[in-house]
Amino acid sequence: MNEREAIGLLQELATRKILVEICLTSNDEILGVRGEQHPLPVYMRYRVPVALATDDQGVARSDMTHEYPARRRNLRPWVIPT
């Protein structure tokens, strides 16, 4: 997390129930963010609502059918980190 006051931001997102869309394939291919570098486990730890999503299929060449396997390949099991 590179945000200033990241903990406060995470708490506010959770309290206000603001959903964060996670585009694993584009995060990996465009930003190079994957595995332990990805913030998804942090969002989950702070109970921020998240949804797997895709970017424009014409650009990212990805669809939802590929996002769930990408989640399994790149991140630990669906356990909320403590």
C-alpha atoms as a PDB file:
ATOM      1  CA  MET A   1       0.000   0.000   0.000  1.00  0.00           C
ATOM      2  CA  ASN A   2       1.549   3.237  -1.156  1.00  0.00           C
ATOM      3  CA  GLU A   3      -1.179   5.555   0.094  1.00  0.00           C
ATOM      4  CA  ARG A   4      -0.586   8.035   2.879  1.00  0.00           C
ATOM      5  CA  GLU A   5      -2.739   7.160   5.876  1.00  0.00           C
ATOM      6  CA  ALA A   6      -3.535   3.797   4.257  1.00  0.00           C
ATOM      7  CA  ILE A   7      -4.988   2.291   7.434  1.00  0.00           C
ATOM      8  CA  GLY A   8      -7.466   5.144   7.839  1.00  0.00           C
ATOM      9  CA  LEU A   9      -8.457   4.855   4.183  1.00  0.00           C
ATOM     10  CA  LEU A  10      -9.011   1.092   4.515  1.00  0.00           C
ATOM     11  CA  GLN A  11     -11.119   1.607   7.627  1.00  0.00           C
ATOM     12  CA  GLU A  12     -13.227   4.261   5.900  1.00  0.00           C
ATOM     13  CA  LEU A  13     -13.765   2.045   2.839  1.00  0.00           C
ATOM     14  CA  ALA A  14     -14.916  -0.771   5.119  1.00  0.00           C
ATOM     15  CA  THR A  15     -17.121   1.427   7.317  1.00  0.00           C
ATOM     16  CA  ARG A  16     -18.796   3.089   4.345  1.00  0.00           C
ATOM     17  CA  LYS A  17     -19.037  -0.249   2.501  1.00  0.00           C
ATOM     18  CA  ILE A  18     -17.297   1.110  -0.593  1.00  0.00           C
ATOM     19  CA  LEU A  19     -16.638  -1.722  -3.037  1.00  0.00           C
ATOM     20  CA  VAL A  20     -13.202  -1.973  -4.639  1.00  0.00           C
ATOM     21  CA  GLU A  21     -12.986  -3.725  -7.999  1.00  0.00           C
ATOM     22  CA  ILE A  22      -9.909  -5.921  -8.375  1.00  0.00           C
ATOM     23  CA  CYS A  23      -8.676  -6.590 -11.922  1.00  0.00           C
ATOM     24  CA  LEU A  24      -6.003  -9.231 -11.307  1.00  0.00           C
ATOM     25  CA  THR A  25      -4.995  -9.844 -14.910  1.00  0.00           C
ATOM     26  CA  SER A  26      -4.559  -6.187 -15.808  1.00  0.00           C
ATOM     27  CA  ASN A  27      -2.889  -5.467 -12.449  1.00  0.00           C
ATOM     28  CA  ASP A  28      -0.382  -8.182 -13.329  1.00  0.00           C
ATOM     29  CA  GLU A  29       0.126  -7.409 -17.015  1.00  0.00           C
ATOM     30  CA  ILE A  30      -0.064  -3.610 -16.943  1.00  0.00           C
ATOM     31  CA  LEU A  31       1.241  -2.727 -13.472  1.00  0.00           C
ATOM     32  CA  GLY A  32       3.327  -5.805 -12.676  1.00  0.00           C
ATOM     33  CA  VAL A  33       1.474  -6.206  -9.351  1.00  0.00           C
ATOM     34  CA  ARG A  34       0.946  -9.869  -8.449  1.00  0.00           C
ATOM     35  CA  GLY A  35       1.289 -12.383  -5.662  1.00  0.00           C
ATOM     36  CA  GLU A  36       2.404 -11.001  -2.322  1.00  0.00           C
ATOM     37  CA  GLN A  37       2.645  -7.501  -3.836  1.00  0.00           C
ATOM     38  CA  HIS A  38      -1.078  -7.369  -4.565  1.00  0.00           C
ATOM     39  CA  PRO A  39      -3.232  -5.438  -2.043  1.00  0.00           C
ATOM     40  CA  LEU A  40      -6.231  -7.842  -2.190  1.00  0.00           C
ATOM     41  CA  PRO A  41      -5.281  -9.638   1.072  1.00  0.00           C
ATOM     42  CA  VAL A  42      -4.962  -6.257   2.811  1.00  0.00           C
ATOM     43  CA  TYR A  43      -8.419  -5.192   1.626  1.00  0.00           C
ATOM     44  CA  MET A  44      -9.799  -8.486   2.890  1.00  0.00           C
ATOM     45  CA  ARG A  45      -8.046  -8.134   6.249  1.00  0.00           C
ATOM     46  CA  TYR A  46      -9.720  -4.771   6.772  1.00  0.00           C
ATOM     47  CA  ARG A  47     -13.082  -6.126   5.565  1.00  0.00           C
ATOM     48  CA  VAL A  48     -13.217  -3.799   2.547  1.00  0.00           C
ATOM     49  CA  PRO A  49     -15.833  -5.108   0.104  1.00  0.00           C
ATOM     50  CA  VAL A  50     -14.087  -6.376  -3.026  1.00  0.00           C
ATOM     51  CA  ALA A  51     -15.166  -7.823  -6.364  1.00  0.00           C
ATOM     52  CA  LEU A  52     -13.061  -9.525  -8.982  1.00  0.00           C
ATOM     53  CA  ALA A  53     -13.461  -7.710 -12.283  1.00  0.00           C
ATOM     54  CA  THR A  54     -11.865  -7.309 -15.697  1.00  0.00           C
ATOM     55  CA  ASP A  55     -10.762  -4.344 -17.684  1.00  0.00           C
ATOM     56  CA  ASP A  56     -11.852  -3.786 -21.256  1.00  0.00           C
ATOM     57  CA  GLN A  57     -11.702  -7.224 -22.905  1.00  0.00           C
ATOM     58  CA  GLY A  58     -10.398  -5.669 -26.110  1.00  0.00           C
ATOM     59  CA  VAL A  59      -7.414  -4.256 -24.240  1.00  0.00           C
ATOM     60  CA  ALA A  60      -6.709  -6.768 -21.477  1.00  0.00           C
ATOM     61  CA  ARG A  61      -7.761  -9.914 -23.391  1.00  0.00           C
ATOM     62  CA  SER A  62      -9.301 -11.223 -20.198  1.00  0.00           C
ATOM     63  CA  ASP A  63     -12.774 -12.124 -19.045  1.00  0.00           C
ATOM     64  CA  MET A  64     -14.275 -13.322 -15.769  1.00  0.00           C
ATOM     65  CA  THR A  65     -13.669 -16.935 -16.745  1.00  0.00           C
ATOM     66  CA  HIS A  66      -9.942 -16.184 -16.435  1.00  0.00           C
ATOM     67  CA  GLU A  67      -9.990 -14.023 -13.301  1.00  0.00           C
ATOM     68  CA  TYR A  68     -10.842 -16.761 -10.799  1.00  0.00           C
ATOM     69  CA  PRO A  69      -8.012 -19.063 -11.979  1.00  0.00           C
ATOM     70  CA  ALA A  70      -5.714 -15.998 -11.927  1.00  0.00           C
ATOM     71  CA  ARG A  71      -6.722 -15.488  -8.293  1.00  0.00           C
ATOM     72  CA  ARG A  72      -5.819 -19.088  -7.442  1.00  0.00           C
ATOM     73  CA  ARG A  73      -2.487 -18.909  -9.268  1.00  0.00           C
ATOM     74  CA  ASN A  74      -1.333 -15.588  -7.869  1.00  0.00           C
ATOM     75  CA  LEU A  75      -2.661 -15.298  -4.338  1.00  0.00           C
ATOM     76  CA  ARG A  76      -3.020 -17.485  -1.290  1.00  0.00           C
ATOM     77  CA  PRO A  77      -6.263 -19.346  -0.590  1.00  0.00           C
ATOM     78  CA  TRP A  78      -9.511 -17.477   0.077  1.00  0.00           C
ATOM     79  CA  VAL A  79      -8.686 -16.988   3.729  1.00  0.00           C
ATOM     80  CA  ILE A  80      -8.972 -13.585   5.278  1.00  0.00           C
ATOM     81  CA  PRO A  81      -5.491 -12.759   6.576  1.00  0.00           C
ATOM     82  CA  THR A  82      -5.260 -11.908  10.268  1.00  0.00           C
END
